[in-house]
Amino acid sequence: RDRPPRWHIDYLLLDPHFFPASVVTAATDRDCECDLARAIGGVYVPGFGCSDCACPSHLFHRSGDPVPEILALFRSLDLDARITRIKNEGREHRI
């Protein structure tokens, strides 16, 4: 990268042990990030991604593929989820 990290995801992408597999997003005017974080719950990285709210974290761990669970949570909040798969080529992450 040509700039210092700014967002939490920037720090993850710089970690040589981090290999993103998918990104789940939804277009909405609602502020539902904290609702999703509460619904996900479980094992988390304390303080990650939540400097602007009272959530304990916005980064969670799952031992298996979390996408089916995440899609169900998006549906439960009436969000139209979109999945983007990521190809990891060495240290390059491509959509």
N, C-alpha and C. Protein backbone atom coordinates (compact mmCIF):
# COMPACT_ATOMS: atom_id res chain seq x y z
N ARG A 1 0.82 -1.19 0.00
CA ARG A 1 0.00 0.00 0.00
C ARG A 1 0.86 1.24 0.00
N ASP A 2 0.28 2.31 -0.51
CA ASP A 2 1.00 3.57 -0.59
C ASP A 2 0.64 4.53 0.54
N ARG A 3 -0.25 4.12 1.42
CA ARG A 3 -0.66 5.00 2.51
C ARG A 3 -0.69 4.21 3.82
N PRO A 4 -0.61 4.91 4.94
CA PRO A 4 -0.70 4.19 6.21
C PRO A 4 -2.11 3.65 6.43
N PRO A 5 -2.26 2.60 7.24
CA PRO A 5 -3.60 2.04 7.49
C PRO A 5 -4.51 3.08 8.16
N ARG A 6 -5.77 3.06 7.76
CA ARG A 6 -6.74 3.99 8.34
C ARG A 6 -7.88 3.25 9.02
N TRP A 7 -8.45 2.28 8.32
CA TRP A 7 -9.60 1.54 8.85
C TRP A 7 -9.11 0.24 9.47
N HIS A 8 -9.96 -0.36 10.28
CA HIS A 8 -9.60 -1.63 10.92
C HIS A 8 -9.26 -2.70 9.89
N ILE A 9 -10.02 -2.75 8.80
CA ILE A 9 -9.75 -3.75 7.77
C ILE A 9 -8.36 -3.57 7.17
N ASP A 10 -7.88 -2.32 7.13
CA ASP A 10 -6.53 -2.07 6.61
C ASP A 10 -5.49 -2.80 7.45
N TYR A 11 -5.65 -2.79 8.76
CA TYR A 11 -4.71 -3.48 9.65
C TYR A 11 -4.79 -4.99 9.44
N LEU A 12 -5.99 -5.52 9.26
CA LEU A 12 -6.13 -6.96 9.00
C LEU A 12 -5.44 -7.35 7.70
N LEU A 13 -5.63 -6.55 6.67
CA LEU A 13 -5.05 -6.87 5.37
C LEU A 13 -3.52 -6.82 5.38
N LEU A 14 -2.94 -6.12 6.34
CA LEU A 14 -1.48 -6.07 6.46
C LEU A 14 -0.92 -7.27 7.22
N ASP A 15 -1.77 -8.00 7.92
CA ASP A 15 -1.34 -9.16 8.71
C ASP A 15 -1.08 -10.34 7.78
N PRO A 16 0.12 -10.93 7.80
CA PRO A 16 0.43 -12.03 6.88
C PRO A 16 -0.36 -13.31 7.17
N HIS A 17 -1.03 -13.38 8.33
CA HIS A 17 -1.81 -14.57 8.67
C HIS A 17 -3.29 -14.42 8.32
N PHE A 18 -3.67 -13.27 7.83
CA PHE A 18 -5.08 -12.99 7.53
C PHE A 18 -5.34 -13.21 6.04
N PHE A 19 -6.29 -14.08 5.75
CA PHE A 19 -6.68 -14.35 4.37
C PHE A 19 -8.20 -14.28 4.28
N PRO A 20 -8.75 -13.14 3.88
CA PRO A 20 -10.21 -13.03 3.77
C PRO A 20 -10.73 -13.98 2.70
N ALA A 21 -11.90 -14.55 2.97
CA ALA A 21 -12.51 -15.47 2.01
C ALA A 21 -13.73 -14.86 1.34
N SER A 22 -14.51 -14.09 2.11
CA SER A 22 -15.74 -13.50 1.61
C SER A 22 -16.03 -12.20 2.33
N VAL A 23 -16.79 -11.37 1.66
CA VAL A 23 -17.31 -10.16 2.28
C VAL A 23 -18.82 -10.19 2.08
N VAL A 24 -19.57 -9.98 3.16
CA VAL A 24 -21.02 -9.93 3.08
C VAL A 24 -21.44 -8.49 3.34
N THR A 25 -22.19 -7.92 2.41
CA THR A 25 -22.63 -6.53 2.52
C THR A 25 -24.11 -6.42 2.21
N ALA A 26 -24.69 -5.28 2.56
CA ALA A 26 -26.07 -4.96 2.19
C ALA A 26 -26.19 -3.45 2.08
N ALA A 27 -26.85 -3.00 1.04
CA ALA A 27 -27.11 -1.57 0.89
C ALA A 27 -28.32 -1.22 1.76
N THR A 28 -28.15 -0.22 2.61
CA THR A 28 -29.25 0.20 3.49
C THR A 28 -28.99 1.61 3.98
N ASP A 29 -30.06 2.30 4.30
CA ASP A 29 -29.95 3.62 4.93
C ASP A 29 -29.96 3.49 6.44
N ARG A 30 -30.25 2.29 6.94
CA ARG A 30 -30.33 2.06 8.38
C ARG A 30 -28.94 1.89 8.97
N ASP A 31 -28.80 2.26 10.22
CA ASP A 31 -27.56 2.06 10.97
C ASP A 31 -27.72 0.76 11.76
N CYS A 32 -27.31 -0.36 11.18
CA CYS A 32 -27.58 -1.66 11.80
C CYS A 32 -26.31 -2.45 12.10
N GLU A 33 -25.17 -1.81 12.03
CA GLU A 33 -23.90 -2.50 12.32
C GLU A 33 -23.90 -3.09 13.73
N CYS A 34 -24.36 -2.32 14.71
CA CYS A 34 -24.37 -2.80 16.10
C CYS A 34 -25.41 -3.91 16.29
N ASP A 35 -26.55 -3.81 15.60
CA ASP A 35 -27.55 -4.88 15.66
C ASP A 35 -26.96 -6.19 15.14
N LEU A 36 -26.21 -6.12 14.06
CA LEU A 36 -25.55 -7.31 13.52
C LEU A 36 -24.51 -7.85 14.50
N ALA A 37 -23.72 -6.96 15.09
CA ALA A 37 -22.69 -7.39 16.04
C ALA A 37 -23.31 -8.10 17.24
N ARG A 38 -24.42 -7.55 17.76
CA ARG A 38 -25.09 -8.19 18.90
C ARG A 38 -25.64 -9.56 18.51
N ALA A 39 -26.18 -9.65 17.30
CA ALA A 39 -26.76 -10.92 16.84
C ALA A 39 -25.69 -11.97 16.60
N ILE A 40 -24.52 -11.56 16.13
CA ILE A 40 -23.44 -12.50 15.86
C ILE A 40 -22.89 -13.05 17.17
N GLY A 41 -22.45 -12.17 18.05
CA GLY A 41 -21.96 -12.60 19.37
C GLY A 41 -20.90 -13.68 19.30
N GLY A 42 -20.63 -14.28 20.43
CA GLY A 42 -19.64 -15.35 20.51
C GLY A 42 -18.24 -14.83 20.75
N VAL A 43 -17.26 -15.61 20.34
CA VAL A 43 -15.84 -15.27 20.54
C VAL A 43 -15.51 -14.06 19.67
N TYR A 44 -14.88 -13.06 20.29
CA TYR A 44 -14.60 -11.82 19.56
C TYR A 44 -13.24 -11.25 19.93
N VAL A 45 -12.78 -10.28 19.12
CA VAL A 45 -11.56 -9.53 19.38
C VAL A 45 -11.98 -8.25 20.09
N PRO A 46 -11.66 -8.11 21.39
CA PRO A 46 -12.13 -6.96 22.16
C PRO A 46 -11.73 -5.62 21.54
N GLY A 47 -12.71 -4.73 21.43
CA GLY A 47 -12.47 -3.37 20.97
C GLY A 47 -12.29 -3.19 19.48
N PHE A 48 -12.38 -4.26 18.70
CA PHE A 48 -12.11 -4.15 17.26
C PHE A 48 -13.32 -3.59 16.52
N GLY A 49 -13.12 -2.48 15.82
CA GLY A 49 -14.14 -1.92 14.95
C GLY A 49 -15.28 -1.22 15.64
N CYS A 50 -15.15 -0.97 16.94
CA CYS A 50 -16.28 -0.40 17.68
C CYS A 50 -15.88 0.82 18.49
N SER A 51 -14.93 1.59 17.99
CA SER A 51 -14.47 2.77 18.73
C SER A 51 -15.54 3.86 18.80
N ASP A 52 -16.56 3.77 17.95
CA ASP A 52 -17.60 4.80 17.93
C ASP A 52 -18.92 4.33 18.53
N CYS A 53 -18.89 3.19 19.28
CA CYS A 53 -20.12 2.68 19.88
C CYS A 53 -19.79 1.93 21.17
N ALA A 54 -20.81 1.37 21.82
CA ALA A 54 -20.60 0.67 23.08
C ALA A 54 -20.48 -0.85 22.91
N CYS A 55 -20.43 -1.33 21.68
CA CYS A 55 -20.28 -2.78 21.45
C CYS A 55 -18.92 -3.25 21.94
N PRO A 56 -18.83 -4.51 22.41
CA PRO A 56 -17.52 -5.03 22.81
C PRO A 56 -16.60 -5.29 21.62
N SER A 57 -17.18 -5.52 20.43
CA SER A 57 -16.38 -5.79 19.24
C SER A 57 -17.27 -5.80 18.00
N HIS A 58 -16.63 -5.66 16.86
CA HIS A 58 -17.30 -5.88 15.57
C HIS A 58 -16.51 -6.91 14.75
N LEU A 59 -15.65 -7.68 15.43
CA LEU A 59 -14.89 -8.75 14.76
C LEU A 59 -15.03 -10.02 15.59
N PHE A 60 -15.55 -11.06 14.96
CA PHE A 60 -15.88 -12.30 15.66
C PHE A 60 -15.19 -13.49 15.02
N HIS A 61 -15.02 -14.54 15.80
CA HIS A 61 -14.37 -15.76 15.32
C HIS A 61 -15.38 -16.89 15.19
N ARG A 62 -15.25 -17.63 14.12
CA ARG A 62 -16.00 -18.87 13.93
C ARG A 62 -15.00 -19.92 13.45
N SER A 63 -15.13 -21.14 13.95
CA SER A 63 -14.20 -22.20 13.54
C SER A 63 -14.52 -22.72 12.15
N GLY A 64 -15.77 -22.60 11.74
CA GLY A 64 -16.17 -23.04 10.41
C GLY A 64 -16.58 -21.87 9.54
N ASP A 65 -17.17 -22.16 8.42
CA ASP A 65 -17.62 -21.14 7.47
C ASP A 65 -18.77 -20.34 8.09
N PRO A 66 -18.58 -19.05 8.33
CA PRO A 66 -19.63 -18.25 8.97
C PRO A 66 -20.68 -17.70 8.00
N VAL A 67 -20.47 -17.86 6.70
CA VAL A 67 -21.35 -17.21 5.72
C VAL A 67 -22.81 -17.61 5.88
N PRO A 68 -23.18 -18.90 6.02
CA PRO A 68 -24.60 -19.23 6.19
C PRO A 68 -25.23 -18.54 7.41
N GLU A 69 -24.51 -18.51 8.51
CA GLU A 69 -25.01 -17.84 9.72
C GLU A 69 -25.18 -16.35 9.48
N ILE A 70 -24.20 -15.73 8.85
CA ILE A 70 -24.25 -14.29 8.59
C ILE A 70 -25.41 -13.96 7.65
N LEU A 71 -25.62 -14.77 6.62
CA LEU A 71 -26.73 -14.54 5.70
C LEU A 71 -28.07 -14.62 6.43
N ALA A 72 -28.21 -15.59 7.33
CA ALA A 72 -29.44 -15.72 8.11
C ALA A 72 -29.66 -14.49 9.00
N LEU A 73 -28.58 -13.98 9.60
CA LEU A 73 -28.70 -12.79 10.43
C LEU A 73 -29.10 -11.57 9.60
N PHE A 74 -28.53 -11.43 8.42
CA PHE A 74 -28.91 -10.32 7.54
C PHE A 74 -30.40 -10.43 7.20
N ARG A 75 -30.85 -11.65 6.86
CA ARG A 75 -32.27 -11.85 6.54
C ARG A 75 -33.15 -11.50 7.72
N SER A 76 -32.73 -11.87 8.94
CA SER A 76 -33.53 -11.59 10.14
C SER A 76 -33.69 -10.09 10.38
N LEU A 77 -32.77 -9.30 9.84
CA LEU A 77 -32.85 -7.84 9.95
C LEU A 77 -33.39 -7.20 8.67
N ASP A 78 -33.99 -8.03 7.81
CA ASP A 78 -34.55 -7.57 6.53
C ASP A 78 -33.53 -6.85 5.66
N LEU A 79 -32.32 -7.39 5.62
CA LEU A 79 -31.26 -6.85 4.78
C LEU A 79 -31.03 -7.79 3.60
N ASP A 80 -30.88 -7.23 2.43
CA ASP A 80 -30.63 -8.00 1.22
C ASP A 80 -29.12 -8.20 1.06
N ALA A 81 -28.63 -9.30 1.56
CA ALA A 81 -27.18 -9.56 1.61
C ALA A 81 -26.62 -9.89 0.24
N ARG A 82 -25.40 -9.44 0.03
CA ARG A 82 -24.62 -9.76 -1.17
C ARG A 82 -23.30 -10.36 -0.70
N ILE A 83 -22.88 -11.43 -1.35
CA ILE A 83 -21.61 -12.08 -0.99
C ILE A 83 -20.60 -11.80 -2.09
N THR A 84 -19.42 -11.39 -1.68
CA THR A 84 -18.30 -11.23 -2.61
C THR A 84 -17.21 -12.18 -2.16
N ARG A 85 -16.83 -13.11 -3.01
CA ARG A 85 -15.75 -14.05 -2.71
C ARG A 85 -14.42 -13.39 -3.05
N ILE A 86 -13.42 -13.66 -2.26
CA ILE A 86 -12.11 -13.04 -2.44
C ILE A 86 -11.09 -14.10 -2.81
N LYS A 87 -10.30 -13.82 -3.83
CA LYS A 87 -9.20 -14.72 -4.22
C LYS A 87 -7.94 -14.22 -3.54
N ASN A 88 -7.28 -15.09 -2.81
CA ASN A 88 -6.03 -14.74 -2.15
C ASN A 88 -4.88 -15.27 -2.98
N GLU A 89 -4.08 -14.35 -3.50
CA GLU A 89 -2.92 -14.71 -4.33
C GLU A 89 -1.67 -14.17 -3.64
N GLY A 90 -1.07 -14.99 -2.81
CA GLY A 90 0.06 -14.51 -2.01
C GLY A 90 -0.45 -13.48 -1.03
N ARG A 91 0.10 -12.29 -1.09
CA ARG A 91 -0.37 -11.21 -0.21
C ARG A 91 -1.39 -10.32 -0.91
N GLU A 92 -1.78 -10.67 -2.13
CA GLU A 92 -2.77 -9.88 -2.86
C GLU A 92 -4.15 -10.48 -2.62
N HIS A 93 -5.12 -9.64 -2.39
CA HIS A 93 -6.51 -10.06 -2.19
C HIS A 93 -7.33 -9.46 -3.33
N ARG A 94 -7.92 -10.31 -4.15
CA ARG A 94 -8.66 -9.82 -5.32
C ARG A 94 -10.11 -10.30 -5.28
N ILE A 95 -10.98 -9.42 -5.70
CA ILE A 95 -12.41 -9.75 -5.77
C ILE A 95 -12.69 -10.42 -7.09
